[in-house]
Amino acid sequence: MIEVLSPGTKHVDLGAKLFEYADAGIEHYWVVDLDPPVSMIAYRLIDGDYENFGEYSGSVELEVAGAPVKLDLNALIDPRAQR
Protein backbone atom coordinates (compact mmCIF):
# COMPACT_ATOMS: atom_id res chain seq x y z
CA MET A 1 0.00 0.00 0.00
CA ILE A 2 1.34 3.43 -0.91
CA GLU A 3 -0.07 6.62 0.58
CA VAL A 4 0.78 10.08 -0.69
CA LEU A 5 0.49 12.62 2.11
CA SER A 6 -1.66 15.67 1.75
CA PRO A 7 -2.02 18.42 4.35
CA GLY A 8 -5.59 17.39 5.16
CA THR A 9 -4.85 13.68 5.75
CA LYS A 10 -1.28 13.69 7.05
CA HIS A 11 -2.15 12.80 10.65
CA VAL A 12 -4.58 10.06 9.58
CA ASP A 13 -2.08 8.53 7.12
CA LEU A 14 0.67 8.45 9.76
CA GLY A 15 -1.60 7.40 12.62
CA ALA A 16 -4.91 5.59 12.26
CA LYS A 17 -4.13 4.03 8.88
CA LEU A 18 -1.05 2.29 10.29
CA PHE A 19 -3.33 0.39 12.66
CA GLU A 20 -6.05 -0.25 10.07
CA TYR A 21 -3.63 -1.64 7.50
CA ALA A 22 -1.79 -3.72 10.11
CA ASP A 23 -5.12 -5.23 11.22
CA ALA A 24 -5.86 -6.03 7.56
CA GLY A 25 -2.48 -7.81 7.26
CA ILE A 26 -1.01 -5.52 4.58
CA GLU A 27 2.70 -6.39 4.63
CA HIS A 28 4.17 -3.20 3.14
CA TYR A 29 3.01 0.36 3.82
CA TRP A 30 4.92 3.18 2.15
CA VAL A 31 4.19 6.82 2.93
CA VAL A 32 5.33 9.41 0.38
CA ASP A 33 5.66 13.08 1.28
CA LEU A 34 5.76 15.31 -1.81
CA ASP A 35 7.00 18.36 0.09
CA PRO A 36 10.59 19.05 -1.02
CA PRO A 37 12.72 17.13 -0.68
CA VAL A 38 10.37 14.32 -1.73
CA SER A 39 10.72 11.50 0.76
CA MET A 40 9.26 8.13 1.67
CA ILE A 41 9.00 6.09 4.84
CA ALA A 42 8.80 2.33 4.27
CA TYR A 43 7.01 0.26 6.89
CA ARG A 44 6.85 -3.53 7.02
CA LEU A 45 4.45 -5.64 9.04
CA ILE A 46 6.35 -7.71 11.62
CA ASP A 47 4.42 -9.77 14.18
CA GLY A 48 1.26 -7.71 13.65
CA ASP A 49 2.88 -4.27 13.95
CA TYR A 50 4.56 -1.98 11.44
CA GLU A 51 8.27 -1.36 11.81
CA ASN A 52 10.07 1.48 10.08
CA PHE A 53 12.25 -0.16 7.42
CA GLY A 54 13.86 3.07 6.29
CA GLU A 55 13.41 6.66 5.25
CA TYR A 56 14.38 7.51 1.69
CA SER A 57 14.73 10.35 -0.80
CA GLY A 58 16.00 10.47 -4.38
CA SER A 59 16.37 7.05 -5.99
CA VAL A 60 15.30 4.07 -3.94
CA GLU A 61 15.70 0.34 -4.47
CA LEU A 62 13.73 -1.97 -2.19
CA GLU A 63 13.00 -5.68 -2.25
CA VAL A 64 9.36 -6.73 -2.26
CA ALA A 65 8.38 -10.41 -2.35
CA GLY A 66 11.91 -11.27 -3.46
CA ALA A 67 11.91 -8.85 -6.39
CA PRO A 68 13.74 -5.52 -6.63
CA VAL A 69 11.56 -2.41 -6.90
CA LYS A 70 13.20 0.81 -8.09
CA LEU A 71 11.62 4.20 -7.42
CA ASP A 72 12.70 7.69 -8.44
CA LEU A 73 10.93 9.80 -5.83
CA ASN A 74 12.05 13.09 -7.40
CA ALA A 75 10.27 12.17 -10.63
CA LEU A 76 6.97 12.45 -8.76
CA ILE A 77 7.23 16.25 -8.82
CA ASP A 78 9.94 16.99 -11.43
CA PRO A 79 8.24 18.40 -14.55
CA ARG A 80 11.16 17.17 -16.68
CA ALA A 81 10.16 13.59 -15.83
CA GLN A 82 6.88 14.13 -17.70
CA ARG A 83 8.56 14.31 -21.11
PDB file of N, CA and C in Angstrom:
ATOM      1  N   MET A   1       0.845  -1.155   0.000  1.00  0.00           N
ATOM      2  CA  MET A   1       0.000   0.000   0.000  1.00  0.00           C
ATOM      3  C   MET A   1       0.897   1.226   0.000  1.00  0.00           C
ATOM      4  N   ILE A   2       0.592   2.174  -0.861  1.00  0.00           N
ATOM      5  CA  ILE A   2       1.339   3.430  -0.915  1.00  0.00           C
ATOM      6  C   ILE A   2       0.369   4.571  -0.657  1.00  0.00           C
ATOM      7  N   GLU A   3       0.704   5.416   0.289  1.00  0.00           N
ATOM      8  CA  GLU A   3      -0.073   6.618   0.582  1.00  0.00           C
ATOM      9  C   GLU A   3       0.767   7.822   0.199  1.00  0.00           C
ATOM     10  N   VAL A   4       0.136   8.809  -0.421  1.00  0.00           N
ATOM     11  CA  VAL A   4       0.780  10.082  -0.693  1.00  0.00           C
ATOM     12  C   VAL A   4       0.150  11.084   0.264  1.00  0.00           C
ATOM     13  N   LEU A   5       0.990  11.689   1.100  1.00  0.00           N
ATOM     14  CA  LEU A   5       0.486  12.616   2.110  1.00  0.00           C
ATOM     15  C   LEU A   5      -0.079  13.870   1.479  1.00  0.00           C
ATOM     16  N   SER A   6      -1.132  14.357   2.080  1.00  0.00           N
ATOM     17  CA  SER A   6      -1.664  15.669   1.750  1.00  0.00           C
ATOM     18  C   SER A   6      -1.894  16.379   3.076  1.00  0.00           C
ATOM     19  N   PRO A   7      -1.881  17.709   3.077  1.00  0.00           N
ATOM     20  CA  PRO A   7      -2.020  18.422   4.348  1.00  0.00           C
ATOM     21  C   PRO A   7      -3.261  18.018   5.145  1.00  0.00           C
ATOM     22  N   GLY A   8      -4.359  17.721   4.467  1.00  0.00           N
ATOM     23  CA  GLY A   8      -5.593  17.389   5.158  1.00  0.00           C
ATOM     24  C   GLY A   8      -5.647  15.987   5.746  1.00  0.00           C
ATOM     25  N   THR A   9      -4.781  15.072   5.278  1.00  0.00           N
ATOM     26  CA  THR A   9      -4.852  13.683   5.752  1.00  0.00           C
ATOM     27  C   THR A   9      -3.561  13.201   6.401  1.00  0.00           C
ATOM     28  N   LYS A  10      -2.597  14.088   6.564  1.00  0.00           N
ATOM     29  CA  LYS A  10      -1.277  13.688   7.050  1.00  0.00           C
ATOM     30  C   LYS A  10      -1.345  12.935   8.376  1.00  0.00           C
ATOM     31  N   HIS A  11      -2.089  13.441   9.332  1.00  0.00           N
ATOM     32  CA  HIS A  11      -2.155  12.800  10.651  1.00  0.00           C
ATOM     33  C   HIS A  11      -2.857  11.449  10.585  1.00  0.00           C
ATOM     34  N   VAL A  12      -3.872  11.337   9.735  1.00  0.00           N
ATOM     35  CA  VAL A  12      -4.583  10.062   9.575  1.00  0.00           C
ATOM     36  C   VAL A  12      -3.671   9.034   8.913  1.00  0.00           C
ATOM     37  N   ASP A  13      -2.959   9.454   7.853  1.00  0.00           N
ATOM     38  CA  ASP A  13      -2.076   8.535   7.121  1.00  0.00           C
ATOM     39  C   ASP A  13      -0.939   8.012   7.999  1.00  0.00           C
ATOM     40  N   LEU A  14      -0.447   8.845   8.907  1.00  0.00           N
ATOM     41  CA  LEU A  14       0.669   8.448   9.756  1.00  0.00           C
ATOM     42  C   LEU A  14       0.221   7.890  11.098  1.00  0.00           C
ATOM     43  N   GLY A  15      -1.083   7.882  11.344  1.00  0.00           N
ATOM     44  CA  GLY A  15      -1.600   7.401  12.620  1.00  0.00           C
ATOM     45  C   GLY A  15      -2.575   6.254  12.454  1.00  0.00           C
ATOM     46  N   ALA A  16      -3.837   6.594  12.293  1.00  0.00           N
ATOM     47  CA  ALA A  16      -4.910   5.594  12.259  1.00  0.00           C
ATOM     48  C   ALA A  16      -4.725   4.553  11.156  1.00  0.00           C
ATOM     49  N   LYS A  17      -4.260   4.981   9.986  1.00  0.00           N
ATOM     50  CA  LYS A  17      -4.129   4.030   8.881  1.00  0.00           C
ATOM     51  C   LYS A  17      -3.074   2.964   9.157  1.00  0.00           C
ATOM     52  N   LEU A  18      -2.038   3.308   9.919  1.00  0.00           N
ATOM     53  CA  LEU A  18      -1.049   2.295  10.294  1.00  0.00           C
ATOM     54  C   LEU A  18      -1.732   1.131  11.007  1.00  0.00           C
ATOM     55  N   PHE A  19      -2.629   1.441  11.911  1.00  0.00           N
ATOM     56  CA  PHE A  19      -3.328   0.390  12.665  1.00  0.00           C
ATOM     57  C   PHE A  19      -4.330  -0.352  11.791  1.00  0.00           C
ATOM     58  N   GLU A  20      -5.061   0.383  10.950  1.00  0.00           N
ATOM     59  CA  GLU A  20      -6.051  -0.254  10.066  1.00  0.00           C
ATOM     60  C   GLU A  20      -5.388  -1.231   9.104  1.00  0.00           C
ATOM     61  N   TYR A  21      -4.308  -0.789   8.470  1.00  0.00           N
ATOM     62  CA  TYR A  21      -3.630  -1.644   7.499  1.00  0.00           C
ATOM     63  C   TYR A  21      -2.939  -2.826   8.172  1.00  0.00           C
ATOM     64  N   ALA A  22      -2.405  -2.611   9.359  1.00  0.00           N
ATOM     65  CA  ALA A  22      -1.793  -3.717  10.107  1.00  0.00           C
ATOM     66  C   ALA A  22      -2.858  -4.754  10.450  1.00  0.00           C
ATOM     67  N   ASP A  23      -4.026  -4.299  10.905  1.00  0.00           N
ATOM     68  CA  ASP A  23      -5.119  -5.231  11.221  1.00  0.00           C
ATOM     69  C   ASP A  23      -5.565  -6.009   9.989  1.00  0.00           C
ATOM     70  N   ALA A  24      -5.467  -5.373   8.812  1.00  0.00           N
ATOM     71  CA  ALA A  24      -5.860  -6.026   7.560  1.00  0.00           C
ATOM     72  C   ALA A  24      -4.759  -6.960   7.046  1.00  0.00           C
ATOM     73  N   GLY A  25      -3.565  -6.915   7.662  1.00  0.00           N
ATOM     74  CA  GLY A  25      -2.478  -7.808   7.258  1.00  0.00           C
ATOM     75  C   GLY A  25      -1.688  -7.344   6.051  1.00  0.00           C
ATOM     76  N   ILE A  26      -1.756  -6.055   5.727  1.00  0.00           N
ATOM     77  CA  ILE A  26      -1.014  -5.519   4.584  1.00  0.00           C
ATOM     78  C   ILE A  26       0.465  -5.454   4.958  1.00  0.00           C
ATOM     79  N   GLU A  27       1.299  -6.220   4.243  1.00  0.00           N
ATOM     80  CA  GLU A  27       2.699  -6.389   4.634  1.00  0.00           C
ATOM     81  C   GLU A  27       3.544  -5.126   4.485  1.00  0.00           C
ATOM     82  N   HIS A  28       3.351  -4.383   3.400  1.00  0.00           N
ATOM     83  CA  HIS A  28       4.170  -3.201   3.140  1.00  0.00           C
ATOM     84  C   HIS A  28       3.283  -1.964   3.121  1.00  0.00           C
ATOM     85  N   TYR A  29       3.718  -0.925   3.808  1.00  0.00           N
ATOM     86  CA  TYR A  29       3.012   0.356   3.818  1.00  0.00           C
ATOM     87  C   TYR A  29       4.061   1.436   3.601  1.00  0.00           C
ATOM     88  N   TRP A  30       3.964   2.139   2.482  1.00  0.00           N
ATOM     89  CA  TRP A  30       4.919   3.181   2.147  1.00  0.00           C
ATOM     90  C   TRP A  30       4.187   4.512   2.172  1.00  0.00           C
ATOM     91  N   VAL A  31       4.784   5.502   2.821  1.00  0.00           N
ATOM     92  CA  VAL A  31       4.187   6.822   2.934  1.00  0.00           C
ATOM     93  C   VAL A  31       5.098   7.818   2.228  1.00  0.00           C
ATOM     94  N   VAL A  32       4.560   8.464   1.191  1.00  0.00           N
ATOM     95  CA  VAL A  32       5.327   9.407   0.383  1.00  0.00           C
ATOM     96  C   VAL A  32       4.907  10.827   0.734  1.00  0.00           C
ATOM     97  N   ASP A  33       5.889  11.673   1.004  1.00  0.00           N
ATOM     98  CA  ASP A  33       5.659  13.082   1.283  1.00  0.00           C
ATOM     99  C   ASP A  33       6.219  13.877   0.104  1.00  0.00           C
ATOM    100  N   LEU A  34       5.344  14.579  -0.615  1.00  0.00           N
ATOM    101  CA  LEU A  34       5.755  15.313  -1.810  1.00  0.00           C
ATOM    102  C   LEU A  34       6.376  16.668  -1.507  1.00  0.00           C
ATOM    103  N   ASP A  35       6.340  17.102  -0.256  1.00  0.00           N
ATOM    104  CA  ASP A  35       7.005  18.363   0.088  1.00  0.00           C
ATOM    105  C   ASP A  35       8.509  18.192  -0.110  1.00  0.00           C
ATOM    106  N   PRO A  36       9.147  19.174  -0.777  1.00  0.00           N
ATOM    107  CA  PRO A  36      10.587  19.054  -1.022  1.00  0.00           C
ATOM    108  C   PRO A  36      11.384  18.973   0.273  1.00  0.00           C
ATOM    109  N   PRO A  37      12.381  18.145   0.319  1.00  0.00           N
ATOM    110  CA  PRO A  37      12.715  17.130  -0.678  1.00  0.00           C
ATOM    111  C   PRO A  37      11.742  15.958  -0.577  1.00  0.00           C
ATOM    112  N   VAL A  38      11.291  15.451  -1.710  1.00  0.00           N
ATOM    113  CA  VAL A  38      10.367  14.322  -1.727  1.00  0.00           C
ATOM    114  C   VAL A  38      10.990  13.174  -0.941  1.00  0.00           C
ATOM    115  N   SER A  39      10.188  12.568  -0.075  1.00  0.00           N
ATOM    116  CA  SER A  39      10.720  11.499   0.764  1.00  0.00           C
ATOM    117  C   SER A  39       9.680  10.398   0.941  1.00  0.00           C
ATOM    118  N   MET A  40      10.141   9.263   1.443  1.00  0.00           N
ATOM    119  CA  MET A  40       9.256   8.133   1.670  1.00  0.00           C
ATOM    120  C   MET A  40       9.714   7.386   2.918  1.00  0.00           C
ATOM    121  N   ILE A  41       8.738   6.975   3.712  1.00  0.00           N
ATOM    122  CA  ILE A  41       9.000   6.091   4.840  1.00  0.00           C
ATOM    123  C   ILE A  41       8.429   4.733   4.461  1.00  0.00           C
ATOM    124  N   ALA A  42       9.229   3.697   4.586  1.00  0.00           N
ATOM    125  CA  ALA A  42       8.798   2.330   4.270  1.00  0.00           C
ATOM    126  C   ALA A  42       8.570   1.575   5.573  1.00  0.00           C
ATOM    127  N   TYR A  43       7.347   1.074   5.735  1.00  0.00           N
ATOM    128  CA  TYR A  43       7.013   0.261   6.895  1.00  0.00           C
ATOM    129  C   TYR A  43       6.788  -1.171   6.435  1.00  0.00           C
ATOM    130  N   ARG A  44       7.093  -2.120   7.317  1.00  0.00           N
ATOM    131  CA  ARG A  44       6.849  -3.530   7.020  1.00  0.00           C
ATOM    132  C   ARG A  44       6.194  -4.161   8.232  1.00  0.00           C
ATOM    133  N   LEU A  45       5.210  -4.988   7.971  1.00  0.00           N
ATOM    134  CA  LEU A  45       4.452  -5.640   9.037  1.00  0.00           C
ATOM    135  C   LEU A  45       5.269  -6.791   9.617  1.00  0.00           C
ATOM    136  N   ILE A  46       5.582  -6.690  10.907  1.00  0.00           N
ATOM    137  CA  ILE A  46       6.350  -7.707  11.623  1.00  0.00           C
ATOM    138  C   ILE A  46       5.564  -8.062  12.882  1.00  0.00           C
ATOM    139  N   ASP A  47       5.166  -9.307  13.004  1.00  0.00           N
ATOM    140  CA  ASP A  47       4.419  -9.774  14.177  1.00  0.00           C
ATOM    141  C   ASP A  47       3.213  -8.893  14.498  1.00  0.00           C
ATOM    142  N   GLY A  48       2.496  -8.456  13.463  1.00  0.00           N
ATOM    143  CA  GLY A  48       1.261  -7.708  13.650  1.00  0.00           C
ATOM    144  C   GLY A  48       1.410  -6.211  13.807  1.00  0.00           C
ATOM    145  N   ASP A  49       2.649  -5.709  13.827  1.00  0.00           N
ATOM    146  CA  ASP A  49       2.883  -4.267  13.954  1.00  0.00           C
ATOM    147  C   ASP A  49       3.826  -3.799  12.858  1.00  0.00           C
ATOM    148  N   TYR A  50       3.656  -2.537  12.443  1.00  0.00           N
ATOM    149  CA  TYR A  50       4.562  -1.980  11.439  1.00  0.00           C
ATOM    150  C   TYR A  50       5.850  -1.522  12.086  1.00  0.00           C
ATOM    151  N   GLU A  51       6.963  -1.852  11.413  1.00  0.00           N
ATOM    152  CA  GLU A  51       8.275  -1.363  11.808  1.00  0.00           C
ATOM    153  C   GLU A  51       8.808  -0.500  10.680  1.00  0.00           C
ATOM    154  N   ASN A  52       9.456   0.586  11.056  1.00  0.00           N
ATOM    155  CA  ASN A  52      10.068   1.478  10.084  1.00  0.00           C
ATOM    156  C   ASN A  52      11.254   0.747   9.458  1.00  0.00           C
ATOM    157  N   PHE A  53      11.191   0.557   8.137  1.00  0.00           N
ATOM    158  CA  PHE A  53      12.253  -0.155   7.425  1.00  0.00           C
ATOM    159  C   PHE A  53      13.174   0.808   6.689  1.00  0.00           C
ATOM    160  N   GLY A  54      12.966   2.100   6.881  1.00  0.00           N
ATOM    161  CA  GLY A  54      13.861   3.072   6.287  1.00  0.00           C
ATOM    162  C   GLY A  54      13.148   4.310   5.803  1.00  0.00           C
ATOM    163  N   GLU A  55      13.902   5.394   5.771  1.00  0.00           N
ATOM    164  CA  GLU A  55      13.407   6.663   5.248  1.00  0.00           C
ATOM    165  C   GLU A  55      14.293   7.029   4.077  1.00  0.00           C
ATOM    166  N   TYR A  56      13.659   7.376   2.950  1.00  0.00           N
ATOM    167  CA  TYR A  56      14.381   7.514   1.691  1.00  0.00           C
ATOM    168  C   TYR A  56      14.039   8.814   0.990  1.00  0.00           C
ATOM    169  N   SER A  57      14.964   9.256   0.133  1.00  0.00           N
ATOM    170  CA  SER A  57      14.732  10.346  -0.801  1.00  0.00           C
ATOM    171  C   SER A  57      15.560  10.022  -2.050  1.00  0.00           C
ATOM    172  N   GLY A  58      15.264  10.729  -3.136  1.00  0.00           N
ATOM    173  CA  GLY A  58      15.997  10.472  -4.381  1.00  0.00           C
ATOM    174  C   GLY A  58      15.623   9.136  -4.991  1.00  0.00           C
ATOM    175  N   SER A  59      16.602   8.367  -5.406  1.00  0.00           N
ATOM    176  CA  SER A  59      16.374   7.049  -5.993  1.00  0.00           C
ATOM    177  C   SER A  59      16.405   5.995  -4.897  1.00  0.00           C
ATOM    178  N   VAL A  60      15.468   5.085  -4.971  1.00  0.00           N
ATOM    179  CA  VAL A  60      15.300   4.068  -3.936  1.00  0.00           C
ATOM    180  C   VAL A  60      15.218   2.699  -4.602  1.00  0.00           C
ATOM    181  N   GLU A  61      15.866   1.713  -4.015  1.00  0.00           N
ATOM    182  CA  GLU A  61      15.695   0.337  -4.465  1.00  0.00           C
ATOM    183  C   GLU A  61      15.375  -0.513  -3.247  1.00  0.00           C
ATOM    184  N   LEU A  62      14.199  -1.127  -3.275  1.00  0.00           N
ATOM    185  CA  LEU A  62      13.733  -1.972  -2.186  1.00  0.00           C
ATOM    186  C   LEU A  62      13.440  -3.360  -2.728  1.00  0.00           C
ATOM    187  N   GLU A  63      13.376  -4.325  -1.853  1.00  0.00           N
ATOM    188  CA  GLU A  63      12.999  -5.676  -2.251  1.00  0.00           C
ATOM    189  C   GLU A  63      11.594  -5.959  -1.720  1.00  0.00           C
ATOM    190  N   VAL A  64      10.729  -6.392  -2.624  1.00  0.00           N
ATOM    191  CA  VAL A  64       9.356  -6.732  -2.264  1.00  0.00           C
ATOM    192  C   VAL A  64       9.064  -8.115  -2.821  1.00  0.00           C
ATOM    193  N   ALA A  65       8.697  -9.034  -1.944  1.00  0.00           N
ATOM    194  CA  ALA A  65       8.376 -10.409  -2.346  1.00  0.00           C
ATOM    195  C   ALA A  65       9.514 -11.024  -3.167  1.00  0.00           C
ATOM    196  N   GLY A  66      10.754 -10.696  -2.786  1.00  0.00           N
ATOM    197  CA  GLY A  66      11.911 -11.267  -3.457  1.00  0.00           C
ATOM    198  C   GLY A  66      12.302 -10.601  -4.753  1.00  0.00           C
ATOM    199  N   ALA A  67      11.599  -9.541  -5.140  1.00  0.00           N
ATOM    200  CA  ALA A  67      11.906  -8.847  -6.395  1.00  0.00           C
ATOM    201  C   ALA A  67      12.333  -7.411  -6.106  1.00  0.00           C
ATOM    202  N   PRO A  68      13.332  -6.903  -6.832  1.00  0.00           N
ATOM    203  CA  PRO A  68      13.743  -5.521  -6.627  1.00  0.00           C
ATOM    204  C   PRO A  68      12.713  -4.544  -7.200  1.00  0.00           C
ATOM    205  N   VAL A  69      12.465  -3.472  -6.461  1.00  0.00           N
ATOM    206  CA  VAL A  69      11.560  -2.411  -6.903  1.00  0.00           C
ATOM    207  C   VAL A  69      12.362  -1.113  -6.857  1.00  0.00           C
ATOM    208  N   LYS A  70      12.463  -0.445  -8.009  1.00  0.00           N
ATOM    209  CA  LYS A  70      13.199   0.809  -8.088  1.00  0.00           C
ATOM    210  C   LYS A  70      12.221   1.965  -8.208  1.00  0.00           C
ATOM    211  N   LEU A  71      12.464   3.010  -7.406  1.00  0.00           N
ATOM    212  CA  LEU A  71      11.621   4.200  -7.425  1.00  0.00           C
ATOM    213  C   LEU A  71      12.496   5.441  -7.556  1.00  0.00           C
ATOM    214  N   ASP A  72      12.057   6.382  -8.368  1.00  0.00           N
ATOM    215  CA  ASP A  72      12.699   7.688  -8.436  1.00  0.00           C
ATOM    216  C   ASP A  72      11.720   8.677  -7.819  1.00  0.00           C
ATOM    217  N   LEU A  73      11.880   8.953  -6.541  1.00  0.00           N
ATOM    218  CA  LEU A  73      10.929   9.800  -5.829  1.00  0.00           C
ATOM    219  C   LEU A  73      10.893  11.215  -6.387  1.00  0.00           C
ATOM    220  N   ASN A  74      12.019  11.732  -6.848  1.00  0.00           N
ATOM    221  CA  ASN A  74      12.048  13.090  -7.397  1.00  0.00           C
ATOM    222  C   ASN A  74      11.206  13.216  -8.659  1.00  0.00           C
ATOM    223  N   ALA A  75      11.062  12.139  -9.401  1.00  0.00           N
ATOM    224  CA  ALA A  75      10.270  12.175 -10.633  1.00  0.00           C
ATOM    225  C   ALA A  75       8.789  12.406 -10.354  1.00  0.00           C
ATOM    226  N   LEU A  76       8.375  12.228  -9.109  1.00  0.00           N
ATOM    227  CA  LEU A  76       6.972  12.455  -8.759  1.00  0.00           C
ATOM    228  C   LEU A  76       6.577  13.924  -8.874  1.00  0.00           C
ATOM    229  N   ILE A  77       7.552  14.826  -8.731  1.00  0.00           N
ATOM    230  CA  ILE A  77       7.233  16.253  -8.821  1.00  0.00           C
ATOM    231  C   ILE A  77       8.070  16.990  -9.860  1.00  0.00           C
ATOM    232  N   ASP A  78       9.062  16.354 -10.460  1.00  0.00           N
ATOM    233  CA  ASP A  78       9.942  16.993 -11.428  1.00  0.00           C
ATOM    234  C   ASP A  78       9.243  17.077 -12.779  1.00  0.00           C
ATOM    235  N   PRO A  79       8.942  18.279 -13.264  1.00  0.00           N
ATOM    236  CA  PRO A  79       8.244  18.401 -14.549  1.00  0.00           C
ATOM    237  C   PRO A  79       9.029  17.819 -15.720  1.00  0.00           C
ATOM    238  N   ARG A  80      10.353  17.743 -15.592  1.00  0.00           N
ATOM    239  CA  ARG A  80      11.165  17.174 -16.681  1.00  0.00           C
ATOM    240  C   ARG A  80      10.910  15.682 -16.834  1.00  0.00           C
ATOM    241  N   ALA A  81      10.439  15.036 -15.783  1.00  0.00           N
ATOM    242  CA  ALA A  81      10.160  13.592 -15.833  1.00  0.00           C
ATOM    243  C   ALA A  81       8.906  13.301 -16.644  1.00  0.00           C
ATOM    244  N   GLN A  82       8.125  14.321 -16.957  1.00  0.00           N
ATOM    245  CA  GLN A  82       6.884  14.128 -17.696  1.00  0.00           C
ATOM    246  C   GLN A  82       7.099  14.064 -19.201  1.00  0.00           C
ATOM    247  N   ARG A  83       8.303  14.296 -19.663  1.00  0.00           N
ATOM    248  CA  ARG A  83       8.565  14.309 -21.107  1.00  0.00           C
ATOM    249  C   ARG A  83       8.505  12.944 -21.705  1.00  0.00           C
TER     250      ARG A  83
END
